Amino acid sequence: MNTIKIKFLDNGQGIYELKKATKGSAGFDLKAAVSKPVIIKSRYSVLIPCGISIALPPNLEAQVRPRSGLALKNQITVLNSPGTIDSDYRGEICTILINHGSKKFEVQPKMRISQIIFAEVANVKLQEVSTLDKTNRGESGFGSTGLE
């Protein structure tokens, strides 16, 4: 098991529990570490601070992902989903929320706004070549396999 160090920043003090929402949860909820409500107008995006910073081991990355309930019920999602946090980043974790809905949305202090998932990073080496091996699919993409 990997250990991830977490630091609660001034704006994140007292708003987190170091546990998953349920036993089967894949990730941990991130909360809005804001002192007053933040309005996201329709079709706009806002950077919301989460009040924590982390230290990941070199073999891990963190991904900031949407919460399904916010997306379904309010059309609020993470703009750069998933947002990648590299193992050498030590700044505050933030979430870029976008409002795809037709009404404004109000982010309340301490609201669960996104989730953070941890994943292993493959250790790879890129090798430049002049040609690639042939496959049945070839260069066909973007819907080339159909819907049925």
Protein backbone atom coordinates (compact mmCIF):
# COMPACT_ATOMS: atom_id res chain seq x y z
CA MET A 1 0.00 0.00 0.00
CA ASN A 2 1.22 3.49 -0.85
CA THR A 3 1.17 6.31 1.68
CA ILE A 4 0.04 9.73 0.53
CA LYS A 5 0.86 12.65 2.76
CA ILE A 6 -1.86 15.31 3.02
CA LYS A 7 -1.50 18.83 4.34
CA PHE A 8 -4.56 20.82 5.37
CA LEU A 9 -4.12 24.44 4.36
CA ASP A 10 -5.62 27.33 6.32
CA ASN A 11 -8.78 27.30 4.18
CA GLY A 12 -9.11 23.51 4.53
CA GLN A 13 -8.81 23.22 8.30
CA GLY A 14 -11.61 21.17 9.86
CA ILE A 15 -13.59 20.45 6.70
CA TYR A 16 -12.26 16.95 5.87
CA GLU A 17 -12.39 13.47 7.34
CA LEU A 18 -9.62 11.17 6.13
CA LYS A 19 -11.97 8.47 4.89
CA LYS A 20 -13.94 7.49 1.83
CA ALA A 21 -17.69 8.17 1.70
CA THR A 22 -18.47 4.43 1.54
CA LYS A 23 -16.50 1.21 1.91
CA GLY A 24 -16.64 0.65 -1.85
CA SER A 25 -15.77 4.21 -2.93
CA ALA A 26 -12.92 4.45 -5.43
CA GLY A 27 -11.85 7.90 -4.33
CA PHE A 28 -12.09 10.61 -1.73
CA ASP A 29 -14.39 13.63 -1.95
CA LEU A 30 -12.88 17.07 -2.44
CA LYS A 31 -14.65 20.01 -0.85
CA ALA A 32 -14.99 23.70 -1.62
CA ALA A 33 -12.57 25.45 0.74
CA VAL A 34 -14.23 28.84 0.32
CA SER A 35 -15.41 31.27 2.99
CA LYS A 36 -18.55 32.38 1.16
CA PRO A 37 -20.71 30.99 -1.67
CA VAL A 38 -19.30 31.11 -5.20
CA ILE A 39 -21.70 31.60 -8.11
CA ILE A 40 -21.00 29.80 -11.38
CA LYS A 41 -23.00 31.43 -14.14
CA SER A 42 -24.47 29.35 -16.93
CA ARG A 43 -21.77 28.35 -19.44
CA TYR A 44 -18.95 29.67 -17.21
CA SER A 45 -16.16 27.93 -15.31
CA VAL A 46 -14.59 28.77 -11.95
CA LEU A 47 -11.48 27.57 -10.12
CA ILE A 48 -12.49 26.37 -6.66
CA PRO A 49 -9.77 25.83 -4.01
CA CYS A 50 -10.01 22.56 -2.05
CA GLY A 51 -7.84 23.48 0.94
CA ILE A 52 -5.32 20.64 0.73
CA SER A 53 -1.97 19.82 -0.78
CA ILE A 54 -0.50 16.33 -1.12
CA ALA A 55 2.82 14.55 -1.58
CA LEU A 56 2.54 11.56 -3.89
CA PRO A 57 5.13 8.83 -4.31
CA PRO A 58 6.80 8.94 -7.78
CA ASN A 59 4.81 5.91 -8.99
CA LEU A 60 1.40 7.57 -8.46
CA GLU A 61 -0.70 10.33 -9.94
CA ALA A 62 -3.94 11.82 -8.65
CA GLN A 63 -6.95 12.55 -10.83
CA VAL A 64 -9.64 15.12 -10.00
CA ARG A 65 -12.94 13.86 -11.36
CA PRO A 66 -16.57 15.00 -11.38
CA ARG A 67 -19.20 13.87 -8.91
CA SER A 68 -21.97 12.10 -10.77
CA GLY A 69 -24.81 13.65 -8.76
CA LEU A 70 -23.67 17.21 -9.50
CA ALA A 71 -23.34 16.35 -13.19
CA LEU A 72 -26.74 14.68 -13.49
CA LYS A 73 -28.81 17.00 -11.32
CA ASN A 74 -27.10 20.34 -11.96
CA GLN A 75 -24.96 19.94 -15.12
CA ILE A 76 -21.86 20.82 -13.05
CA THR A 77 -18.70 18.93 -13.98
CA VAL A 78 -14.92 19.17 -13.91
CA LEU A 79 -13.76 21.08 -16.97
CA ASN A 80 -10.43 19.31 -17.53
CA SER A 81 -11.69 15.93 -16.45
CA PRO A 82 -9.74 14.18 -15.24
CA GLY A 83 -7.45 16.87 -13.91
CA THR A 84 -4.03 15.32 -13.39
CA ILE A 85 -1.90 16.01 -10.33
CA ASP A 86 1.72 14.98 -10.83
CA SER A 87 3.81 13.42 -8.07
CA ASP A 88 6.10 16.46 -7.82
CA TYR A 89 3.30 19.08 -7.41
CA ARG A 90 3.02 20.48 -3.89
CA GLY A 91 0.54 23.34 -4.35
CA GLU A 92 -3.10 23.53 -3.38
CA ILE A 93 -5.45 21.06 -5.04
CA CYS A 94 -8.17 22.98 -6.89
CA THR A 95 -11.11 21.97 -9.06
CA ILE A 96 -12.14 23.71 -12.27
CA LEU A 97 -15.93 23.46 -12.26
CA ILE A 98 -17.99 24.31 -15.33
CA ASN A 99 -21.71 24.96 -15.43
CA HIS A 100 -23.22 23.33 -18.52
CA GLY A 101 -26.73 24.14 -17.29
CA SER A 102 -28.99 27.05 -18.16
CA LYS A 103 -29.23 28.38 -14.57
CA LYS A 104 -26.56 29.74 -12.25
CA PHE A 105 -25.18 27.33 -9.65
CA GLU A 106 -24.09 28.23 -6.14
CA VAL A 107 -21.10 26.43 -4.63
CA GLN A 108 -21.47 26.50 -0.85
CA PRO A 109 -18.54 26.44 1.59
CA LYS A 110 -17.54 22.84 2.45
CA MET A 111 -19.69 21.45 -0.42
CA ARG A 112 -18.44 18.18 -1.91
CA ILE A 113 -17.58 19.34 -5.43
CA SER A 114 -15.36 16.65 -6.97
CA GLN A 115 -13.44 13.52 -6.11
CA ILE A 116 -9.80 12.53 -6.15
CA ILE A 117 -8.66 9.14 -7.40
CA PHE A 118 -5.14 7.75 -7.15
CA ALA A 119 -3.62 5.64 -9.92
CA GLU A 120 -0.29 4.04 -10.72
CA VAL A 121 1.78 5.62 -13.46
CA ALA A 122 3.31 3.27 -16.03
CA ASN A 123 7.08 3.49 -16.28
CA VAL A 124 7.56 3.93 -20.05
CA LYS A 125 10.20 5.01 -22.52
CA LEU A 126 9.24 6.65 -25.83
CA GLN A 127 11.03 5.39 -28.93
CA GLU A 128 10.90 7.31 -32.21
CA VAL A 129 10.24 5.16 -35.30
CA SER A 130 9.48 5.91 -38.95
CA THR A 131 6.61 3.39 -39.25
CA LEU A 132 4.19 1.58 -36.96
CA ASP A 133 2.96 -2.01 -37.16
CA LYS A 134 -0.27 -2.59 -39.12
CA THR A 135 -3.59 -3.47 -37.43
CA ASN A 136 -7.08 -4.23 -38.75
CA ARG A 137 -8.32 -0.89 -37.42
CA GLY A 138 -5.41 1.14 -38.72
CA GLU A 139 -6.02 4.89 -38.53
CA SER A 140 -9.83 4.63 -38.23
CA GLY A 141 -11.12 6.39 -35.12
CA PHE A 142 -13.78 8.69 -33.68
CA GLY A 143 -16.81 6.41 -34.05
CA SER A 144 -15.38 4.11 -36.71
CA THR A 145 -16.53 1.01 -34.81
CA GLY A 146 -20.19 2.11 -34.86
CA LEU A 147 -22.88 2.24 -32.18
CA GLU A 148 -24.15 -1.35 -32.23
